[in-house]
Amino acid sequence: IRVWIAGLLLISLVTGCQTVSNDQERGKDW
């Protein structure tokens, strides 16, 4: 079990999936 702690959550919100840059576009749906 991996529980994401608050610090990692904050990082994921800042660098997470909402930000799609030119070099990291949304890939395939799972």
PDB file of all heavy atoms in Angstrom:
ATOM      1  N   ILE A   1       0.865  -1.167   0.000  1.00  0.00           N
ATOM      2  CA  ILE A   1       0.000   0.000   0.000  1.00  0.00           C
ATOM      3  C   ILE A   1       0.901   1.215   0.000  1.00  0.00           C
ATOM      4  O   ILE A   1       1.844   1.309   0.768  1.00  0.00           O
ATOM      5  CB  ILE A   1      -0.906   0.021   1.241  1.00  0.00           C
ATOM      6  CG1 ILE A   1      -1.833  -1.182   1.237  1.00  0.00           C
ATOM      7  CG2 ILE A   1      -1.699   1.319   1.305  1.00  0.00           C
ATOM      8  CD1 ILE A   1      -2.671  -1.324   2.477  1.00  0.00           C
ATOM      9  N   ARG A   2       0.606   2.127  -0.907  1.00  0.00           N
ATOM     10  CA  ARG A   2       1.351   3.375  -0.941  1.00  0.00           C
ATOM     11  C   ARG A   2       0.376   4.506  -0.649  1.00  0.00           C
ATOM     12  O   ARG A   2      -0.568   4.709  -1.376  1.00  0.00           O
ATOM     13  CB  ARG A   2       1.995   3.601  -2.295  1.00  0.00           C
ATOM     14  CG  ARG A   2       3.096   2.601  -2.590  1.00  0.00           C
ATOM     15  CD  ARG A   2       3.740   2.924  -3.883  1.00  0.00           C
ATOM     16  NE  ARG A   2       2.879   2.358  -4.930  1.00  0.00           N
ATOM     17  CZ  ARG A   2       3.070   2.537  -6.212  1.00  0.00           C
ATOM     18  NH1 ARG A   2       4.043   3.283  -6.649  1.00  0.00           N
ATOM     19  NH2 ARG A   2       2.265   1.985  -7.095  1.00  0.00           N
ATOM     20  N   VAL A   3       0.608   5.189   0.432  1.00  0.00           N
ATOM     21  CA  VAL A   3      -0.242   6.312   0.797  1.00  0.00           C
ATOM     22  C   VAL A   3       0.539   7.582   0.481  1.00  0.00           C
ATOM     23  O   VAL A   3       1.655   7.766   0.927  1.00  0.00           O
ATOM     24  CB  VAL A   3      -0.611   6.266   2.294  1.00  0.00           C
ATOM     25  CG1 VAL A   3      -1.469   7.456   2.666  1.00  0.00           C
ATOM     26  CG2 VAL A   3      -1.303   4.965   2.628  1.00  0.00           C
ATOM     27  N   TRP A   4      -0.063   8.434  -0.306  1.00  0.00           N
ATOM     28  CA  TRP A   4       0.601   9.661  -0.712  1.00  0.00           C
ATOM     29  C   TRP A   4       0.447  10.688   0.397  1.00  0.00           C
ATOM     30  O   TRP A   4      -0.654  11.037   0.773  1.00  0.00           O
ATOM     31  CB  TRP A   4      -0.016  10.186  -2.009  1.00  0.00           C
ATOM     32  CG  TRP A   4       0.117   9.183  -3.100  1.00  0.00           C
ATOM     33  CD1 TRP A   4      -0.819   8.300  -3.520  1.00  0.00           C
ATOM     34  CD2 TRP A   4       1.281   8.910  -3.864  1.00  0.00           C
ATOM     35  NE1 TRP A   4      -0.325   7.509  -4.497  1.00  0.00           N
ATOM     36  CE2 TRP A   4       0.975   7.862  -4.743  1.00  0.00           C
ATOM     37  CE3 TRP A   4       2.552   9.459  -3.899  1.00  0.00           C
ATOM     38  CZ2 TRP A   4       1.884   7.353  -5.626  1.00  0.00           C
ATOM     39  CZ3 TRP A   4       3.458   8.942  -4.794  1.00  0.00           C
ATOM     40  CH2 TRP A   4       3.119   7.903  -5.642  1.00  0.00           C
ATOM     41  N   ILE A   5       1.565  11.172   0.910  1.00  0.00           N
ATOM     42  CA  ILE A   5       1.533  12.140   1.997  1.00  0.00           C
ATOM     43  C   ILE A   5       1.313  13.538   1.455  1.00  0.00           C
ATOM     44  O   ILE A   5       1.436  13.778   0.259  1.00  0.00           O
ATOM     45  CB  ILE A   5       2.845  12.068   2.824  1.00  0.00           C
ATOM     46  CG1 ILE A   5       4.054  12.356   1.942  1.00  0.00           C
ATOM     47  CG2 ILE A   5       2.973  10.725   3.502  1.00  0.00           C
ATOM     48  CD1 ILE A   5       5.358  12.432   2.672  1.00  0.00           C
ATOM     49  N   ALA A   6       0.990  14.457   2.338  1.00  0.00           N
ATOM     50  CA  ALA A   6       0.601  15.812   1.936  1.00  0.00           C
ATOM     51  C   ALA A   6       1.658  16.487   1.059  1.00  0.00           C
ATOM     52  O   ALA A   6       1.320  17.143   0.083  1.00  0.00           O
ATOM     53  CB  ALA A   6       0.329  16.659   3.172  1.00  0.00           C
ATOM     54  N   GLY A   7       2.914  16.318   1.352  1.00  0.00           N
ATOM     55  CA  GLY A   7       3.966  16.940   0.543  1.00  0.00           C
ATOM     56  C   GLY A   7       3.954  16.454  -0.890  1.00  0.00           C
ATOM     57  O   GLY A   7       4.081  17.241  -1.824  1.00  0.00           O
ATOM     58  N   LEU A   8       3.792  15.163  -1.076  1.00  0.00           N
ATOM     59  CA  LEU A   8       3.733  14.620  -2.425  1.00  0.00           C
ATOM     60  C   LEU A   8       2.481  15.082  -3.143  1.00  0.00           C
ATOM     61  O   LEU A   8       2.491  15.315  -4.346  1.00  0.00           O
ATOM     62  CB  LEU A   8       3.792  13.097  -2.394  1.00  0.00           C
ATOM     63  CG  LEU A   8       5.132  12.493  -1.986  1.00  0.00           C
ATOM     64  CD1 LEU A   8       5.026  10.977  -1.910  1.00  0.00           C
ATOM     65  CD2 LEU A   8       6.225  12.894  -2.948  1.00  0.00           C
ATOM     66  N   LEU A   9       1.382  15.203  -2.409  1.00  0.00           N
ATOM     67  CA  LEU A   9       0.154  15.684  -3.023  1.00  0.00           C
ATOM     68  C   LEU A   9       0.319  17.108  -3.507  1.00  0.00           C
ATOM     69  O   LEU A   9      -0.136  17.465  -4.592  1.00  0.00           O
ATOM     70  CB  LEU A   9      -1.011  15.596  -2.043  1.00  0.00           C
ATOM     71  CG  LEU A   9      -1.438  14.186  -1.674  1.00  0.00           C
ATOM     72  CD1 LEU A   9      -2.532  14.232  -0.613  1.00  0.00           C
ATOM     73  CD2 LEU A   9      -1.913  13.439  -2.882  1.00  0.00           C
ATOM     74  N   LEU A  10       0.972  17.924  -2.704  1.00  0.00           N
ATOM     75  CA  LEU A  10       1.204  19.305  -3.097  1.00  0.00           C
ATOM     76  C   LEU A  10       2.063  19.362  -4.351  1.00  0.00           C
ATOM     77  O   LEU A  10       1.757  20.091  -5.291  1.00  0.00           O
ATOM     78  CB  LEU A  10       1.877  20.080  -1.952  1.00  0.00           C
ATOM     79  CG  LEU A  10       2.154  21.550  -2.214  1.00  0.00           C
ATOM     80  CD1 LEU A  10       0.853  22.283  -2.513  1.00  0.00           C
ATOM     81  CD2 LEU A  10       2.828  22.169  -1.023  1.00  0.00           C
ATOM     82  N   ILE A  11       3.094  18.554  -4.404  1.00  0.00           N
ATOM     83  CA  ILE A  11       3.951  18.514  -5.587  1.00  0.00           C
ATOM     84  C   ILE A  11       3.149  18.063  -6.804  1.00  0.00           C
ATOM     85  O   ILE A  11       3.266  18.640  -7.883  1.00  0.00           O
ATOM     86  CB  ILE A  11       5.163  17.576  -5.358  1.00  0.00           C
ATOM     87  CG1 ILE A  11       6.103  18.199  -4.325  1.00  0.00           C
ATOM     88  CG2 ILE A  11       5.901  17.310  -6.663  1.00  0.00           C
ATOM     89  CD1 ILE A  11       7.184  17.267  -3.850  1.00  0.00           C
ATOM     90  N   SER A  12       2.305  17.059  -6.625  1.00  0.00           N
ATOM     91  CA  SER A  12       1.533  16.566  -7.771  1.00  0.00           C
ATOM     92  C   SER A  12       0.532  17.605  -8.251  1.00  0.00           C
ATOM     93  O   SER A  12       0.234  17.667  -9.436  1.00  0.00           O
ATOM     94  CB  SER A  12       0.821  15.260  -7.433  1.00  0.00           C
ATOM     95  OG  SER A  12      -0.236  15.473  -6.532  1.00  0.00           O
ATOM     96  N   LEU A  13       0.020  18.420  -7.355  1.00  0.00           N
ATOM     97  CA  LEU A  13      -0.901  19.464  -7.782  1.00  0.00           C
ATOM     98  C   LEU A  13      -0.168  20.551  -8.559  1.00  0.00           C
ATOM     99  O   LEU A  13      -0.691  21.123  -9.502  1.00  0.00           O
ATOM    100  CB  LEU A  13      -1.633  20.060  -6.579  1.00  0.00           C
ATOM    101  CG  LEU A  13      -2.646  19.130  -5.922  1.00  0.00           C
ATOM    102  CD1 LEU A  13      -3.218  19.785  -4.670  1.00  0.00           C
ATOM    103  CD2 LEU A  13      -3.753  18.758  -6.869  1.00  0.00           C
ATOM    104  N   VAL A  14       1.062  20.840  -8.151  1.00  0.00           N
ATOM    105  CA  VAL A  14       1.840  21.872  -8.828  1.00  0.00           C
ATOM    106  C   VAL A  14       2.371  21.365 -10.167  1.00  0.00           C
ATOM    107  O   VAL A  14       2.341  22.067 -11.167  1.00  0.00           O
ATOM    108  CB  VAL A  14       3.012  22.334  -7.930  1.00  0.00           C
ATOM    109  CG1 VAL A  14       3.935  23.278  -8.670  1.00  0.00           C
ATOM    110  CG2 VAL A  14       2.467  23.014  -6.677  1.00  0.00           C
ATOM    111  N   THR A  15       2.838  20.127 -10.201  1.00  0.00           N
ATOM    112  CA  THR A  15       3.452  19.585 -11.418  1.00  0.00           C
ATOM    113  C   THR A  15       2.586  18.520 -12.071  1.00  0.00           C
ATOM    114  O   THR A  15       3.045  17.817 -12.937  1.00  0.00           O
ATOM    115  CB  THR A  15       4.822  18.962 -11.087  1.00  0.00           C
ATOM    116  OG1 THR A  15       4.612  17.863 -10.202  1.00  0.00           O
ATOM    117  CG2 THR A  15       5.757  19.959 -10.493  1.00  0.00           C
ATOM    118  N   GLY A  16       1.366  18.396 -11.660  1.00  0.00           N
ATOM    119  CA  GLY A  16       0.522  17.273 -12.027  1.00  0.00           C
ATOM    120  C   GLY A  16      -0.049  17.289 -13.415  1.00  0.00           C
ATOM    121  O   GLY A  16       0.418  17.960 -14.329  1.00  0.00           O
ATOM    122  N   CYS A  17      -1.104  16.558 -13.567  1.00  0.00           N
ATOM    123  CA  CYS A  17      -1.664  16.223 -14.864  1.00  0.00           C
ATOM    124  C   CYS A  17      -2.382  17.372 -15.553  1.00  0.00           C
ATOM    125  O   CYS A  17      -2.596  17.304 -16.746  1.00  0.00           O
ATOM    126  CB  CYS A  17      -2.631  15.062 -14.695  1.00  0.00           C
ATOM    127  SG  CYS A  17      -1.835  13.593 -14.051  1.00  0.00           S
ATOM    128  N   GLN A  18      -2.772  18.385 -14.841  1.00  0.00           N
ATOM    129  CA  GLN A  18      -3.476  19.484 -15.485  1.00  0.00           C
ATOM    130  C   GLN A  18      -2.565  20.272 -16.408  1.00  0.00           C
ATOM    131  O   GLN A  18      -3.002  20.817 -17.397  1.00  0.00           O
ATOM    132  CB  GLN A  18      -4.069  20.434 -14.450  1.00  0.00           C
ATOM    133  CG  GLN A  18      -5.291  19.882 -13.775  1.00  0.00           C
ATOM    134  CD  GLN A  18      -5.904  20.892 -12.855  1.00  0.00           C
ATOM    135  OE1 GLN A  18      -5.220  21.653 -12.192  1.00  0.00           O
ATOM    136  NE2 GLN A  18      -7.215  20.917 -12.818  1.00  0.00           N
ATOM    137  N   THR A  19      -1.299  20.330 -16.079  1.00  0.00           N
ATOM    138  CA  THR A  19      -0.356  21.086 -16.878  1.00  0.00           C
ATOM    139  C   THR A  19       0.164  20.216 -18.000  1.00  0.00           C
ATOM    140  O   THR A  19       0.925  19.294 -17.779  1.00  0.00           O
ATOM    141  CB  THR A  19       0.836  21.551 -16.010  1.00  0.00           C
ATOM    142  OG1 THR A  19       0.317  22.238 -14.885  1.00  0.00           O
ATOM    143  CG2 THR A  19       1.767  22.427 -16.783  1.00  0.00           C
ATOM    144  N   VAL A  20      -0.285  20.491 -19.194  1.00  0.00           N
ATOM    145  CA  VAL A  20       0.185  19.730 -20.350  1.00  0.00           C
ATOM    146  C   VAL A  20       1.108  20.644 -21.146  1.00  0.00           C
ATOM    147  O   VAL A  20       0.680  21.631 -21.713  1.00  0.00           O
ATOM    148  CB  VAL A  20      -0.997  19.264 -21.235  1.00  0.00           C
ATOM    149  CG1 VAL A  20      -0.484  18.530 -22.452  1.00  0.00           C
ATOM    150  CG2 VAL A  20      -1.938  18.389 -20.427  1.00  0.00           C
ATOM    151  N   SER A  21       2.405  20.325 -21.137  1.00  0.00           N
ATOM    152  CA  SER A  21       3.367  21.130 -21.877  1.00  0.00           C
ATOM    153  C   SER A  21       3.612  20.510 -23.242  1.00  0.00           C
ATOM    154  O   SER A  21       3.173  19.407 -23.528  1.00  0.00           O
ATOM    155  CB  SER A  21       4.683  21.214 -21.084  1.00  0.00           C
ATOM    156  OG  SER A  21       5.255  19.935 -20.986  1.00  0.00           O
ATOM    157  N   ASN A  22       4.348  21.217 -24.085  1.00  0.00           N
ATOM    158  CA  ASN A  22       4.633  20.719 -25.432  1.00  0.00           C
ATOM    159  C   ASN A  22       5.391  19.406 -25.422  1.00  0.00           C
ATOM    160  O   ASN A  22       5.214  18.575 -26.291  1.00  0.00           O
ATOM    161  CB  ASN A  22       5.428  21.760 -26.221  1.00  0.00           C
ATOM    162  CG  ASN A  22       4.584  22.967 -26.546  1.00  0.00           C
ATOM    163  OD1 ASN A  22       3.360  22.879 -26.594  1.00  0.00           O
ATOM    164  ND2 ASN A  22       5.220  24.104 -26.758  1.00  0.00           N
ATOM    165  N   ASP A  23       6.274  19.217 -24.421  1.00  0.00           N
ATOM    166  CA  ASP A  23       7.069  18.005 -24.401  1.00  0.00           C
ATOM    167  C   ASP A  23       6.434  16.893 -23.563  1.00  0.00           C
ATOM    168  O   ASP A  23       6.973  15.813 -23.449  1.00  0.00           O
ATOM    169  CB  ASP A  23       8.483  18.296 -23.890  1.00  0.00           C
ATOM    170  CG  ASP A  23       8.499  18.873 -22.488  1.00  0.00           C
ATOM    171  OD1 ASP A  23       7.456  19.390 -22.048  1.00  0.00           O
ATOM    172  OD2 ASP A  23       9.558  18.819 -21.837  1.00  0.00           O
ATOM    173  N   GLN A  24       5.283  17.138 -22.996  1.00  0.00           N
ATOM    174  CA  GLN A  24       4.641  16.120 -22.185  1.00  0.00           C
ATOM    175  C   GLN A  24       3.125  16.199 -22.386  1.00  0.00           C
ATOM    176  O   GLN A  24       2.384  16.617 -21.530  1.00  0.00           O
ATOM    177  CB  GLN A  24       4.991  16.295 -20.704  1.00  0.00           C
ATOM    178  CG  GLN A  24       4.596  15.122 -19.859  1.00  0.00           C
ATOM    179  CD  GLN A  24       5.062  15.282 -18.433  1.00  0.00           C
ATOM    180  OE1 GLN A  24       5.234  16.366 -17.921  1.00  0.00           O
ATOM    181  NE2 GLN A  24       5.263  14.164 -17.777  1.00  0.00           N
ATOM    182  N   GLU A  25       2.678  15.789 -23.559  1.00  0.00           N
ATOM    183  CA  GLU A  25       1.264  15.853 -23.885  1.00  0.00           C
ATOM    184  C   GLU A  25       0.522  14.665 -23.295  1.00  0.00           C
ATOM    185  O   GLU A  25       1.120  13.646 -22.971  1.00  0.00           O
ATOM    186  CB  GLU A  25       1.091  15.884 -25.402  1.00  0.00           C
ATOM    187  CG  GLU A  25       1.634  17.156 -26.020  1.00  0.00           C
ATOM    188  CD  GLU A  25       1.367  17.237 -27.505  1.00  0.00           C
ATOM    189  OE1 GLU A  25       0.512  16.491 -28.002  1.00  0.00           O
ATOM    190  OE2 GLU A  25       2.021  18.052 -28.153  1.00  0.00           O
ATOM    191  N   ARG A  26      -0.773  14.834 -23.199  1.00  0.00           N
ATOM    192  CA  ARG A  26      -1.613  13.757 -22.696  1.00  0.00           C
ATOM    193  C   ARG A  26      -1.461  12.548 -23.601  1.00  0.00           C
ATOM    194  O   ARG A  26      -1.572  12.635 -24.816  1.00  0.00           O
ATOM    195  CB  ARG A  26      -3.062  14.210 -22.652  1.00  0.00           C
ATOM    196  CG  ARG A  26      -3.996  13.129 -22.162  1.00  0.00           C
ATOM    197  CD  ARG A  26      -5.399  13.633 -22.057  1.00  0.00           C
ATOM    198  NE  ARG A  26      -6.312  12.528 -21.807  1.00  0.00           N
ATOM    199  CZ  ARG A  26      -7.409  12.626 -21.109  1.00  0.00           C
ATOM    200  NH1 ARG A  26      -7.749  13.786 -20.610  1.00  0.00           N
ATOM    201  NH2 ARG A  26      -8.188  11.588 -20.925  1.00  0.00           N
ATOM    202  N   GLY A  27      -1.206  11.411 -22.977  1.00  0.00           N
ATOM    203  CA  GLY A  27      -1.045  10.175 -23.718  1.00  0.00           C
ATOM    204  C   GLY A  27      -2.342   9.402 -23.802  1.00  0.00           C
ATOM    205  O   GLY A  27      -3.430   9.955 -23.671  1.00  0.00           O
ATOM    206  N   LYS A  28      -2.204   8.118 -23.975  1.00  0.00           N
ATOM    207  CA  LYS A  28      -3.378   7.266 -24.183  1.00  0.00           C
ATOM    208  C   LYS A  28      -4.207   7.133 -22.911  1.00  0.00           C
ATOM    209  O   LYS A  28      -3.691   7.177 -21.803  1.00  0.00           O
ATOM    210  CB  LYS A  28      -2.962   5.895 -24.681  1.00  0.00           C
ATOM    211  CG  LYS A  28      -2.325   5.017 -23.634  1.00  0.00           C
ATOM    212  CD  LYS A  28      -2.143   3.597 -24.151  1.00  0.00           C
ATOM    213  CE  LYS A  28      -1.655   2.734 -22.996  1.00  0.00           C
ATOM    214  NZ  LYS A  28      -1.889   1.351 -23.146  1.00  0.00           N
ATOM    215  N   ASP A  29      -5.509   6.975 -23.125  1.00  0.00           N
ATOM    216  CA  ASP A  29      -6.412   6.678 -22.025  1.00  0.00           C
ATOM    217  C   ASP A  29      -6.179   5.245 -21.587  1.00  0.00           C
ATOM    218  O   ASP A  29      -5.886   4.372 -22.411  1.00  0.00           O
ATOM    219  CB  ASP A  29      -7.871   6.861 -22.450  1.00  0.00           C
ATOM    220  CG  ASP A  29      -8.247   8.321 -22.622  1.00  0.00           C
ATOM    221  OD1 ASP A  29      -7.636   9.185 -21.964  1.00  0.00           O
ATOM    222  OD2 ASP A  29      -9.155   8.602 -23.421  1.00  0.00           O
ATOM    223  N   TRP A  30      -6.318   5.000 -20.301  1.00  0.00           N
ATOM    224  CA  TRP A  30      -6.149   3.651 -19.748  1.00  0.00           C
ATOM    225  C   TRP A  30      -7.508   3.045 -19.459  1.00  0.00           C
ATOM    226  O   TRP A  30      -8.435   3.737 -19.016  1.00  0.00           O
ATOM    227  CB  TRP A  30      -5.334   3.714 -18.460  1.00  0.00           C
ATOM    228  CG  TRP A  30      -3.866   3.687 -18.690  1.00  0.00           C
ATOM    229  CD1 TRP A  30      -3.177   4.410 -19.615  1.00  0.00           C
ATOM    230  CD2 TRP A  30      -2.908   2.901 -17.995  1.00  0.00           C
ATOM    231  NE1 TRP A  30      -1.848   4.123 -19.529  1.00  0.00           N
ATOM    232  CE2 TRP A  30      -1.654   3.208 -18.543  1.00  0.00           C
ATOM    233  CE3 TRP A  30      -2.989   1.994 -16.968  1.00  0.00           C
ATOM    234  CZ2 TRP A  30      -0.488   2.617 -18.093  1.00  0.00           C
ATOM    235  CZ3 TRP A  30      -1.819   1.404 -16.507  1.00  0.00           C
ATOM    236  CH2 TRP A  30      -0.586   1.710 -17.078  1.00  0.00           C
TER     237      TRP A  30
END
